[in-house]
């Protein structure tokens, strides 16, 4: 420890000089002892040579340590899944001694990205290189920190220069062009917005039976007197253009290890849907709701972005979708816990792969207002009816939310081998679609093998350097479109 402190005395805090070859020091007492017992010019020459080697080596690294550095710069600012990450590096040597070898060690966690290199640099010169890697998946990664290691010509000492700066690299999910979807259309945009009633909900010409929770202000007394039971006026609630995109991230519902990864496909569909609604002619206000896992296996986090219009909202949604991971929270639990946050007069678009939910009956045990929540069941002839038997809990939640003024639509992420994985039960998708249709909940299916072309593209210019057969170098720029 004391030797290391003496070697690094006066050095910057990020520079560390280390003694790599120490066994030669053992020769010093041996040669000195021989010189004392039998003086001879050979022992003197050995002492001078050893001292000279260590002295020159230490002076070499001591002179270079504060003057050798490396600079990295990322090319481009926006990266989507499938794009190529490119960085430019420059090794700078401002000392009067050449860097005979320098090893660049990078600690980035970007998958399959290895910009490390061993290079040399002349005195008061520089050396440049480039590194690239395809961003195979979306997420939040780290560029850096990195370390530069070099040494003296004899390999006796080495210098480690640590660069602690790290940059967060955000890789957005790919935004694709979705097939023609029958999306719910609100009339709270364009010219329809001017017809929005100031008082909110307006009474209609129909009445219905009173249910616990209905306001007493809406009781229609003449009809109640005629029917001998309480009747309430139906309210015409104007549908809103605000849309909630609810992404199901429950790990039990997704095929994570399959080549047809429904999780990644669901993220792409959610991002593409947000881009379509925010950038379309209607300029809808779009929000995002999901329950994502974290690095800790027992922690979950809720992704909650309130509906807002505009392109800034799109990038907020894409940034929130980039790091999402599978979670243990089911779609039914997410919907149940978010009842108050979802509000009213909005539309829910649920992106889920739950094709097998019709076979995997789950009991909805939540209670609301002291009464058992509504459950649904499909009958053998294909019809649907309300019942108190076991049913898909997330579907019961959608039915409950509809009663509070939230219309729903489902985008089903279906794998081509879904039936094979679930016991070769045929007609699963059709059965689920029919069940949803019985409660006037729209359902559309997007297969994971369905190719979705990218729409989030931008043009950029990059320099290409190629060697000629004669040993020369040709440099030129090319313009490319990235998506």
Protein backbone atom coordinates (compact mmCIF):
# COMPACT_ATOMS: atom_id res chain seq x y z
CA UNK A 1 0.00 0.00 0.00
CA UNK A 2 2.80 2.42 0.87
CA UNK A 3 4.63 1.61 -2.36
CA UNK A 4 1.47 2.34 -4.38
CA UNK A 5 0.98 5.65 -2.58
CA UNK A 6 4.54 6.70 -3.29
CA UNK A 7 4.28 5.72 -6.95
CA UNK A 8 1.09 7.80 -7.40
CA UNK A 9 2.07 10.81 -5.35
CA UNK A 10 1.08 13.97 -7.22
CA UNK A 11 -0.95 12.11 -9.84
CA UNK A 12 -4.56 13.04 -10.75
CA UNK A 13 -7.17 11.02 -8.79
CA UNK A 14 -8.24 9.03 -11.88
CA UNK A 15 -4.67 7.94 -12.71
CA UNK A 16 -3.11 4.89 -11.08
CA UNK A 17 0.47 3.71 -11.65
CA UNK A 18 1.04 0.02 -10.85
CA UNK A 19 4.22 -2.03 -10.56
CA UNK A 20 3.76 -5.07 -12.82
CA UNK A 21 7.26 -6.66 -12.65
CA UNK A 22 8.44 -6.87 -9.06
CA UNK A 23 10.57 -10.00 -9.09
CA UNK A 24 13.58 -8.11 -10.53
CA UNK A 25 13.69 -6.18 -7.29
CA UNK A 26 14.72 -9.41 -5.56
CA UNK A 27 18.02 -9.22 -7.43
CA UNK A 28 18.97 -5.92 -5.74
CA UNK A 29 19.85 -7.36 -2.30
CA UNK A 30 21.49 -10.41 -3.90
CA UNK A 31 23.74 -8.33 -6.16
CA UNK A 32 24.49 -5.87 -3.36
CA UNK A 33 25.42 -8.72 -0.97
CA UNK A 34 27.78 -10.24 -3.59
CA UNK A 35 29.38 -6.86 -4.17
CA UNK A 36 30.08 -6.51 -0.46
CA UNK A 37 31.56 -10.03 -0.18
CA UNK A 38 33.46 -10.10 -3.46
CA UNK A 39 33.64 -6.68 -5.11
CA UNK A 40 33.64 -6.92 -8.89
CA UNK A 41 32.64 -4.58 -11.76
CA UNK A 42 29.99 -7.12 -12.87
CA UNK A 43 27.93 -6.57 -9.71
CA UNK A 44 28.20 -2.83 -10.13
CA UNK A 45 27.05 -3.09 -13.75
CA UNK A 46 24.05 -5.23 -12.71
CA UNK A 47 23.07 -2.75 -9.99
CA UNK A 48 23.29 0.16 -12.40
CA UNK A 49 21.35 -1.73 -15.06
CA UNK A 50 18.50 -2.71 -12.70
CA UNK A 51 18.27 0.78 -11.22
CA UNK A 52 18.39 2.28 -14.69
CA UNK A 53 15.59 0.02 -16.00
CA UNK A 54 13.25 0.84 -13.13
CA UNK A 55 14.19 4.52 -13.20
CA UNK A 56 13.64 4.92 -16.94
CA UNK A 57 10.40 2.91 -16.86
CA UNK A 58 8.95 4.93 -14.00
CA UNK A 59 10.01 8.24 -15.51
CA UNK A 60 8.40 7.17 -18.80
CA UNK A 61 4.95 6.40 -17.31
CA UNK A 62 5.19 9.31 -14.88
CA UNK A 63 5.67 11.68 -17.80
CA UNK A 64 2.88 10.18 -19.91
CA UNK A 65 0.20 9.55 -17.26
CA UNK A 66 -1.30 13.09 -17.10
CA UNK A 67 -1.04 13.65 -20.86
CA UNK A 68 -2.72 10.59 -22.40
CA UNK A 69 -6.50 10.54 -22.69
CA UNK A 70 -9.30 9.18 -24.84
CA UNK A 71 -12.44 10.95 -26.09
CA UNK A 72 -15.59 9.21 -27.30
CA UNK A 73 -18.49 10.74 -29.23
CA UNK A 74 -21.75 9.12 -30.27
CA UNK A 75 -22.92 9.65 -33.83
CA UNK A 76 -26.63 10.52 -34.01
CA UNK A 77 -29.07 11.28 -31.24
CA UNK A 78 -32.14 9.09 -31.92
CA UNK A 79 -31.92 5.31 -31.89
CA UNK A 80 -34.74 2.86 -32.44
CA UNK A 81 -34.62 -0.92 -32.20
CA UNK A 82 -32.90 -2.24 -35.30
CA UNK A 83 -30.80 0.89 -35.82
CA UNK A 84 -27.00 0.88 -35.67
CA UNK A 85 -25.18 2.48 -32.76
CA UNK A 86 -22.03 4.26 -33.92
CA UNK A 87 -19.30 5.89 -31.87
CA UNK A 88 -16.05 7.66 -32.73
CA UNK A 89 -13.02 7.42 -30.44
CA UNK A 90 -9.83 9.45 -30.34
CA UNK A 91 -6.69 8.54 -28.38
CA UNK A 92 -4.75 11.73 -27.64
CA UNK A 93 -1.13 11.91 -26.53
CA UNK A 94 0.18 15.37 -25.67
CA UNK A 95 3.45 14.15 -24.12
CA UNK A 96 6.85 14.09 -25.79
CA UNK A 97 7.07 10.31 -25.59
CA UNK A 98 5.20 7.91 -27.89
CA UNK A 99 2.51 5.56 -26.59
CA UNK A 100 3.80 2.18 -27.74
CA UNK A 101 0.61 0.39 -26.71
CA UNK A 102 -2.65 1.47 -25.13
CA UNK A 103 -5.61 -0.77 -24.32
CA UNK A 104 -9.09 0.78 -24.31
CA UNK A 105 -11.44 -1.12 -21.97
CA UNK A 106 -15.13 -0.27 -22.20
CA UNK A 107 -17.73 -1.23 -19.58
CA UNK A 108 -20.87 -0.43 -21.56
CA UNK A 109 -23.77 -2.86 -21.19
CA UNK A 110 -25.15 -2.51 -24.72
CA UNK A 111 -25.67 -6.05 -26.04
CA UNK A 112 -23.04 -7.25 -28.53
CA UNK A 113 -21.20 -3.91 -28.45
CA UNK A 114 -17.44 -4.21 -28.02
CA UNK A 115 -15.56 -1.00 -28.87
CA UNK A 116 -12.41 -2.06 -27.00
CA UNK A 117 -9.15 -1.83 -28.90
CA UNK A 118 -5.36 -1.88 -28.50
CA UNK A 119 -3.70 1.01 -30.33
CA UNK A 120 -0.49 3.03 -30.49
CA UNK A 121 0.06 6.76 -30.78
CA UNK A 122 3.02 8.93 -31.69
CA UNK A 123 4.42 11.68 -29.50
CA UNK A 124 2.13 14.72 -29.47
CA UNK A 125 -0.26 12.89 -31.80
CA UNK A 126 -3.60 11.10 -31.89
CA UNK A 127 -5.25 7.91 -33.15
CA UNK A 128 -8.91 7.57 -34.18
CA UNK A 129 -11.18 4.58 -34.64
CA UNK A 130 -14.88 3.81 -34.94
CA UNK A 131 -17.14 1.16 -33.44
CA UNK A 132 -20.65 0.09 -34.38
CA UNK A 133 -23.29 -2.40 -33.26
CA UNK A 134 -26.88 -3.14 -34.21
CA UNK A 135 -29.35 -2.25 -31.45
CA UNK A 136 -31.22 -5.52 -31.42
CA UNK A 137 -33.72 -4.59 -28.71
CA UNK A 138 -35.25 -1.54 -27.09
CA UNK A 139 -34.38 -0.48 -23.58
CA UNK A 140 -32.22 1.82 -21.47
CA UNK A 141 -28.54 0.92 -21.56
CA UNK A 142 -25.27 2.46 -20.40
CA UNK A 143 -22.38 3.78 -22.47
CA UNK A 144 -19.29 3.82 -20.30
CA UNK A 145 -17.51 4.13 -18.03
CA UNK A 146 -14.24 3.22 -19.72
CA UNK A 147 -10.58 2.78 -18.87
CA UNK A 148 -7.33 3.41 -20.70
CA UNK A 149 -4.32 1.25 -19.86
CA UNK A 150 -0.78 1.73 -21.16
CA UNK A 151 2.79 1.24 -19.94
CA UNK A 152 6.52 1.70 -20.45
CA UNK A 153 8.59 -0.02 -23.18
CA UNK A 154 9.90 -2.65 -20.74
CA UNK A 155 6.54 -3.61 -19.31
CA UNK A 156 7.64 -2.90 -15.74
CA UNK A 157 4.95 -0.31 -14.90
CA UNK A 158 1.43 0.17 -16.15
CA UNK A 159 -0.93 3.15 -15.95
CA UNK A 160 -4.72 2.94 -15.58
CA UNK A 161 -6.66 6.08 -16.44
CA UNK A 162 -10.29 5.72 -15.31
CA UNK A 163 -13.06 7.74 -16.94
CA UNK A 164 -16.09 7.46 -14.67
CA UNK A 165 -18.48 9.35 -16.92
CA UNK A 166 -21.31 7.17 -18.20
CA UNK A 167 -24.09 8.11 -20.61
CA UNK A 168 -27.59 6.65 -20.58
CA UNK A 169 -28.49 5.25 -23.97
CA UNK A 170 -32.22 5.15 -24.70
CA UNK A 171 -33.25 2.84 -27.54
CA UNK A 172 -36.84 3.51 -28.49
CA UNK A 173 -39.18 0.72 -29.53
CA UNK A 174 -39.78 0.45 -33.23
CA UNK A 175 -42.82 2.32 -34.52
CA UNK A 176 -44.47 0.34 -37.30
CA UNK A 177 -47.31 0.83 -39.70
CA UNK A 178 -50.25 -1.10 -38.33
CA UNK A 179 -52.79 -2.82 -40.54
CA UNK A 180 -56.20 -1.23 -40.94
CA UNK A 181 -57.71 -1.14 -37.46
CA UNK A 182 -61.26 -0.31 -36.49
CA UNK A 183 -60.38 2.04 -33.69
CA UNK A 184 -62.97 3.81 -31.54
CA UNK A 185 -63.55 7.37 -32.71
CA UNK A 186 -64.39 10.03 -30.15
CA UNK A 187 -66.10 13.25 -31.14
CA UNK A 188 -64.10 15.56 -28.92
CA UNK A 189 -61.88 16.82 -31.70
CA UNK A 190 -62.22 19.01 -34.76
CA UNK A 191 -65.55 20.64 -35.37
CA UNK A 192 -67.31 18.24 -33.00
CA UNK A 193 -65.50 19.80 -30.05
CA UNK A 194 -67.51 22.99 -30.49
CA UNK A 195 -70.72 21.07 -29.87
CA UNK A 196 -69.53 19.79 -26.50
CA UNK A 197 -72.21 20.52 -23.86
CA UNK A 198 -71.09 22.93 -21.17
CA UNK A 199 -73.04 21.08 -18.50
CA UNK A 200 -71.45 17.73 -19.29
CA UNK A 201 -73.91 14.82 -19.30
CA UNK A 202 -77.38 15.47 -20.70
CA UNK A 203 -80.54 13.51 -19.86
CA UNK A 204 -81.92 11.27 -22.57
CA UNK A 205 -85.50 10.29 -23.37
CA UNK A 206 -85.21 6.82 -21.79
CA UNK A 207 -85.26 5.55 -18.25
CA UNK A 208 -83.94 2.41 -16.57
CA UNK A 209 -84.12 0.68 -13.20
CA UNK A 210 -82.37 2.31 -10.28
CA UNK A 211 -79.09 0.67 -9.27
CA UNK A 212 -77.14 1.23 -6.06
CA UNK A 213 -74.76 4.10 -6.64
CA UNK A 214 -77.03 6.07 -8.98
CA UNK A 215 -77.56 9.67 -7.96
CA UNK A 216 -80.93 10.51 -6.42
CA UNK A 217 -80.96 13.66 -8.55
CA UNK A 218 -81.50 11.51 -11.64
CA UNK A 219 -84.58 9.66 -10.38
CA UNK A 220 -87.53 10.08 -12.76
CA UNK A 221 -90.45 10.31 -10.30
CA UNK A 222 -93.36 10.02 -12.77
CA UNK A 223 -91.95 6.78 -14.20
CA UNK A 224 -91.19 5.51 -10.70
CA UNK A 225 -94.80 6.10 -9.70
CA UNK A 226 -96.13 4.25 -12.74
CA UNK A 227 -93.73 1.29 -12.38
CA UNK A 228 -93.98 1.14 -8.57
CA UNK A 229 -90.18 1.03 -8.36
CA UNK A 230 -87.40 3.57 -8.62
CA UNK A 231 -86.47 4.55 -12.18
CA UNK A 232 -83.57 6.81 -13.20
CA UNK A 233 -83.04 8.91 -16.30
CA UNK A 234 -80.41 7.58 -18.65
CA UNK A 235 -77.59 10.01 -19.31
CA UNK A 236 -76.11 10.68 -22.71
CA UNK A 237 -72.44 10.89 -21.92
CA UNK A 238 -70.52 12.34 -24.80
CA UNK A 239 -67.74 9.97 -25.87
CA UNK A 240 -64.35 11.61 -25.56
CA UNK A 241 -61.40 11.56 -27.90
CA UNK A 242 -59.08 10.79 -24.98
CA UNK A 243 -57.61 7.29 -25.29
CA UNK A 244 -55.89 5.08 -22.75
CA UNK A 245 -53.53 2.47 -24.16
CA UNK A 246 -53.37 -0.35 -21.60
CA UNK A 247 -50.45 -2.72 -22.22
CA UNK A 248 -50.58 -6.15 -20.61
CA UNK A 249 -47.08 -7.11 -19.39
CA UNK A 250 -48.01 -10.11 -17.25
CA UNK A 251 -45.29 -12.71 -17.76
CA UNK A 252 -47.75 -15.61 -17.54
CA UNK A 253 -49.65 -14.32 -20.56
CA UNK A 254 -46.63 -13.82 -22.86
CA UNK A 255 -44.41 -16.20 -24.80
CA UNK A 256 -41.02 -14.84 -23.78
CA UNK A 257 -38.68 -17.64 -24.87
CA UNK A 258 -40.33 -18.31 -28.19
CA UNK A 259 -38.89 -16.85 -31.40
CA UNK A 260 -42.33 -15.24 -31.74
CA UNK A 261 -41.98 -13.00 -28.71
CA UNK A 262 -45.41 -11.60 -27.92
CA UNK A 263 -44.00 -9.14 -25.39
CA UNK A 264 -41.83 -7.30 -27.90
CA UNK A 265 -44.58 -7.42 -30.48
CA UNK A 266 -47.03 -5.97 -27.95
CA UNK A 267 -44.66 -3.08 -27.16
CA UNK A 268 -44.31 -2.34 -30.89
CA UNK A 269 -48.08 -2.39 -31.34
CA UNK A 270 -48.60 -0.06 -28.36
CA UNK A 271 -45.97 2.38 -29.62
CA UNK A 272 -47.35 2.27 -33.15
CA UNK A 273 -50.89 2.79 -31.92
CA UNK A 274 -49.83 5.84 -29.92
CA UNK A 275 -48.04 7.28 -32.95
CA UNK A 276 -51.09 6.72 -35.15
CA UNK A 277 -53.53 8.32 -32.73
CA UNK A 278 -51.29 11.27 -31.90
CA UNK A 279 -50.19 11.96 -35.46
CA UNK A 280 -53.44 11.19 -37.28
CA UNK A 281 -55.96 13.66 -38.57
CA UNK A 282 -58.00 13.60 -35.36
CA UNK A 283 -55.04 14.49 -33.08
CA UNK A 284 -56.34 12.43 -30.18
CA UNK A 285 -55.11 12.76 -26.62
CA UNK A 286 -53.37 9.49 -25.72
CA UNK A 287 -52.18 8.09 -22.41
CA UNK A 288 -50.37 4.91 -21.37
CA UNK A 289 -51.03 2.48 -18.52
CA UNK A 290 -48.95 -0.63 -17.77
CA UNK A 291 -47.43 -2.54 -14.86
CA UNK A 292 -43.74 -3.20 -15.55
CA UNK A 293 -41.22 -5.35 -13.75
CA UNK A 294 -37.89 -3.99 -12.52
CA UNK A 295 -34.36 -5.25 -11.95
CA UNK A 296 -35.47 -6.47 -8.54
CA UNK A 297 -37.53 -9.66 -8.91
CA UNK A 298 -40.06 -8.61 -6.24
CA UNK A 299 -40.60 -5.00 -7.28
CA UNK A 300 -43.11 -3.70 -9.79
CA UNK A 301 -43.73 -0.20 -11.08
CA UNK A 302 -46.77 1.35 -12.70
CA UNK A 303 -46.26 3.18 -15.98
CA UNK A 304 -48.84 5.95 -15.90
CA UNK A 305 -48.90 8.77 -18.46
CA UNK A 306 -51.99 10.97 -18.44
CA UNK A 307 -53.61 11.44 -21.90
CA UNK A 308 -52.25 14.48 -23.71
CA UNK A 309 -52.15 15.47 -27.41
CA UNK A 310 -49.11 16.39 -29.50
CA UNK A 311 -45.80 14.97 -30.66
CA UNK A 312 -44.15 15.59 -27.29
CA UNK A 313 -46.58 13.07 -25.81
CA UNK A 314 -45.49 10.50 -28.38
CA UNK A 315 -41.86 10.71 -27.29
CA UNK A 316 -42.94 10.51 -23.65
CA UNK A 317 -44.81 7.29 -24.38
CA UNK A 318 -41.93 5.84 -26.39
CA UNK A 319 -39.51 6.68 -23.57
CA UNK A 320 -41.78 4.95 -21.08
CA UNK A 321 -42.16 1.86 -23.28
CA UNK A 322 -38.43 1.46 -23.87
CA UNK A 323 -37.47 -0.05 -20.46
CA UNK A 324 -40.64 -2.04 -19.65
CA UNK A 325 -40.16 -5.64 -18.51
CA UNK A 326 -42.50 -8.55 -17.74
CA UNK A 327 -44.27 -8.30 -14.39
CA UNK A 328 -46.31 -10.50 -12.06
CA UNK A 329 -49.32 -8.16 -12.10
CA UNK A 330 -52.21 -9.53 -14.14
CA UNK A 331 -54.28 -7.46 -16.51
CA UNK A 332 -57.30 -7.77 -14.20
CA UNK A 333 -55.30 -6.50 -11.21
CA UNK A 334 -53.99 -3.59 -13.24
CA UNK A 335 -57.47 -2.56 -14.38
CA UNK A 336 -58.93 -2.99 -10.90
CA UNK A 337 -56.26 -0.90 -9.18
CA UNK A 338 -56.51 1.84 -11.84
CA UNK A 339 -60.26 2.40 -11.76
CA UNK A 340 -59.97 5.82 -10.15
CA UNK A 341 -57.09 6.96 -12.36
CA UNK A 342 -58.77 6.11 -15.65
CA UNK A 343 -61.50 8.68 -15.14
CA UNK A 344 -64.69 8.79 -17.22
CA UNK A 345 -65.75 9.52 -20.81
CA UNK A 346 -62.57 8.01 -22.19
CA UNK A 347 -61.71 5.02 -24.32
CA UNK A 348 -59.53 2.04 -23.38
CA UNK A 349 -57.54 0.15 -25.97
CA UNK A 350 -56.13 -2.97 -24.34
CA UNK A 351 -53.10 -4.59 -25.97
CA UNK A 352 -52.84 -8.13 -24.65
CA UNK A 353 -51.77 -11.64 -25.75
CA UNK A 354 -54.33 -13.38 -23.53
CA UNK A 355 -55.66 -15.83 -26.07
CA UNK A 356 -55.67 -18.59 -23.47
CA UNK A 357 -57.70 -16.65 -20.94
CA UNK A 358 -60.91 -18.32 -22.11
CA UNK A 359 -59.52 -21.70 -21.07
CA UNK A 360 -57.72 -20.49 -17.96
CA UNK A 361 -60.74 -19.47 -15.92
CA UNK A 362 -59.87 -17.08 -13.10
CA UNK A 363 -62.24 -15.96 -10.36
CA UNK A 364 -62.76 -12.23 -9.87
CA UNK A 365 -62.78 -11.92 -6.09
CA UNK A 366 -62.73 -8.12 -5.91
CA UNK A 367 -65.77 -6.41 -4.42
CA UNK A 368 -66.92 -2.91 -5.22
CA UNK A 369 -69.40 -1.03 -3.07
CA UNK A 370 -70.18 -4.09 -0.98
CA UNK A 371 -71.50 -6.06 -3.96
CA UNK A 372 -69.83 -8.76 -5.95
CA UNK A 373 -68.45 -7.52 -9.25
CA UNK A 374 -69.91 -8.69 -12.55
CA UNK A 375 -68.51 -11.84 -14.17
CA UNK A 376 -69.21 -13.32 -17.59
CA UNK A 377 -69.26 -16.77 -19.14
CA UNK A 378 -69.45 -18.23 -22.63
CA UNK A 379 -72.12 -20.88 -23.20
CA UNK A 380 -71.63 -24.05 -25.29
CA UNK A 381 -73.56 -22.57 -28.21
CA UNK A 382 -71.29 -19.55 -28.32
CA UNK A 383 -73.55 -17.03 -26.59
CA UNK A 384 -72.44 -14.97 -23.61
CA UNK A 385 -74.33 -14.27 -20.42
CA UNK A 386 -73.76 -12.59 -17.07
CA UNK A 387 -73.21 -15.10 -14.30
CA UNK A 388 -71.49 -15.46 -10.95
CA UNK A 389 -69.39 -18.42 -12.03
CA UNK A 390 -65.65 -18.36 -12.74
CA UNK A 391 -64.77 -16.15 -15.70
CA UNK A 392 -61.86 -14.22 -17.24
CA UNK A 393 -61.29 -11.58 -14.59
CA UNK A 394 -59.89 -8.97 -16.95
CA UNK A 395 -63.00 -9.18 -19.13
CA UNK A 396 -65.21 -8.64 -16.08
CA UNK A 397 -63.16 -5.54 -15.29
CA UNK A 398 -63.76 -4.19 -18.81
CA UNK A 399 -67.49 -4.76 -18.37
CA UNK A 400 -67.40 -2.93 -15.05
CA UNK A 401 -65.45 0.00 -16.52
CA UNK A 402 -67.97 0.26 -19.33
CA UNK A 403 -70.71 0.79 -16.77
CA UNK A 404 -68.77 3.83 -15.51
CA UNK A 405 -68.53 5.40 -18.97
CA UNK A 406 -65.30 3.86 -20.30
CA UNK A 407 -65.64 2.15 -23.67
CA UNK A 408 -63.12 -0.58 -24.46
CA UNK A 409 -61.47 -2.19 -27.44
CA UNK A 410 -58.98 -5.07 -27.47
CA UNK A 411 -55.96 -5.58 -29.72
CA UNK A 412 -55.06 -9.24 -29.39
CA UNK A 413 -51.44 -10.27 -29.97
CA UNK A 414 -51.72 -13.84 -31.25
CA UNK A 415 -48.91 -16.27 -31.95
CA UNK A 416 -49.25 -18.60 -34.93
CA UNK A 417 -48.51 -21.58 -32.70
CA UNK A 418 -50.80 -20.45 -29.87
CA UNK A 419 -53.15 -23.43 -30.26
CA UNK A 420 -50.25 -25.90 -30.40
CA UNK A 421 -48.78 -24.55 -27.18
CA UNK A 422 -52.09 -24.71 -25.35
CA UNK A 423 -53.07 -28.30 -26.04
CA UNK A 424 -54.06 -27.91 -29.69
CA UNK A 425 -57.41 -26.39 -28.80
CA UNK A 426 -58.83 -24.92 -31.98
CA UNK A 427 -60.83 -21.76 -32.25
CA UNK A 428 -59.37 -20.01 -29.21
CA UNK A 429 -59.11 -16.63 -30.89
CA UNK A 430 -62.58 -16.88 -32.42
CA UNK A 431 -64.09 -17.89 -29.08
CA UNK A 432 -62.51 -14.96 -27.28
CA UNK A 433 -63.53 -12.57 -30.03
CA UNK A 434 -67.10 -13.82 -29.83
CA UNK A 435 -67.14 -13.43 -26.06
CA UNK A 436 -66.00 -9.81 -26.35
CA UNK A 437 -68.50 -9.09 -29.10
CA UNK A 438 -71.30 -10.23 -26.81
CA UNK A 439 -70.53 -7.23 -24.60
CA UNK A 440 -69.97 -4.87 -27.54
CA UNK A 441 -66.21 -4.80 -26.96
CA UNK A 442 -64.33 -4.64 -30.22
CA UNK A 443 -61.50 -7.10 -30.81
CA UNK A 444 -58.89 -7.28 -33.54
CA UNK A 445 -56.05 -9.76 -33.90
CA UNK A 446 -52.45 -8.98 -34.91
CA UNK A 447 -50.18 -11.99 -35.44
CA UNK A 448 -46.60 -11.92 -34.24
CA UNK A 449 -45.42 -13.16 -37.63
CA UNK A 450 -47.20 -10.34 -39.41
CA UNK A 451 -44.53 -8.05 -40.85
CA UNK A 452 -45.00 -4.44 -39.80
CA UNK A 453 -42.93 -1.91 -41.81
CA UNK A 454 -41.24 0.87 -39.85
CA UNK A 455 -42.62 4.39 -40.08
CA UNK A 456 -40.36 6.23 -37.60
CA UNK A 457 -37.50 7.10 -39.92
CA UNK A 458 -35.03 9.93 -40.37
CA UNK A 459 -32.24 10.66 -42.82
CA UNK A 460 -28.65 11.07 -41.77
CA UNK A 461 -25.21 11.39 -43.35
CA UNK A 462 -22.24 9.27 -42.31
CA UNK A 463 -18.64 9.06 -43.51
CA UNK A 464 -17.28 5.81 -44.94
CA UNK A 465 -13.54 5.12 -45.25
CA UNK A 466 -12.38 2.29 -47.52
CA UNK A 467 -8.96 1.12 -48.64
CA UNK A 468 -7.96 0.75 -52.28
CA UNK A 469 -6.05 -2.22 -53.81
CA UNK A 470 -2.97 -0.01 -54.10
CA UNK A 471 -2.89 0.71 -50.39
CA UNK A 472 -4.54 4.11 -50.49
CA UNK A 473 -7.56 5.32 -48.58
CA UNK A 474 -10.78 6.73 -50.01
CA UNK A 475 -13.21 8.69 -47.82
CA UNK A 476 -16.75 9.61 -48.86
CA UNK A 477 -20.12 10.40 -47.30
CA UNK A 478 -23.37 8.51 -47.82
CA UNK A 479 -26.91 9.51 -46.91
CA UNK A 480 -29.19 6.86 -45.47
CA UNK A 481 -32.66 6.51 -44.03
CA UNK A 482 -32.92 4.94 -40.60
CA UNK A 483 -36.07 3.39 -39.19
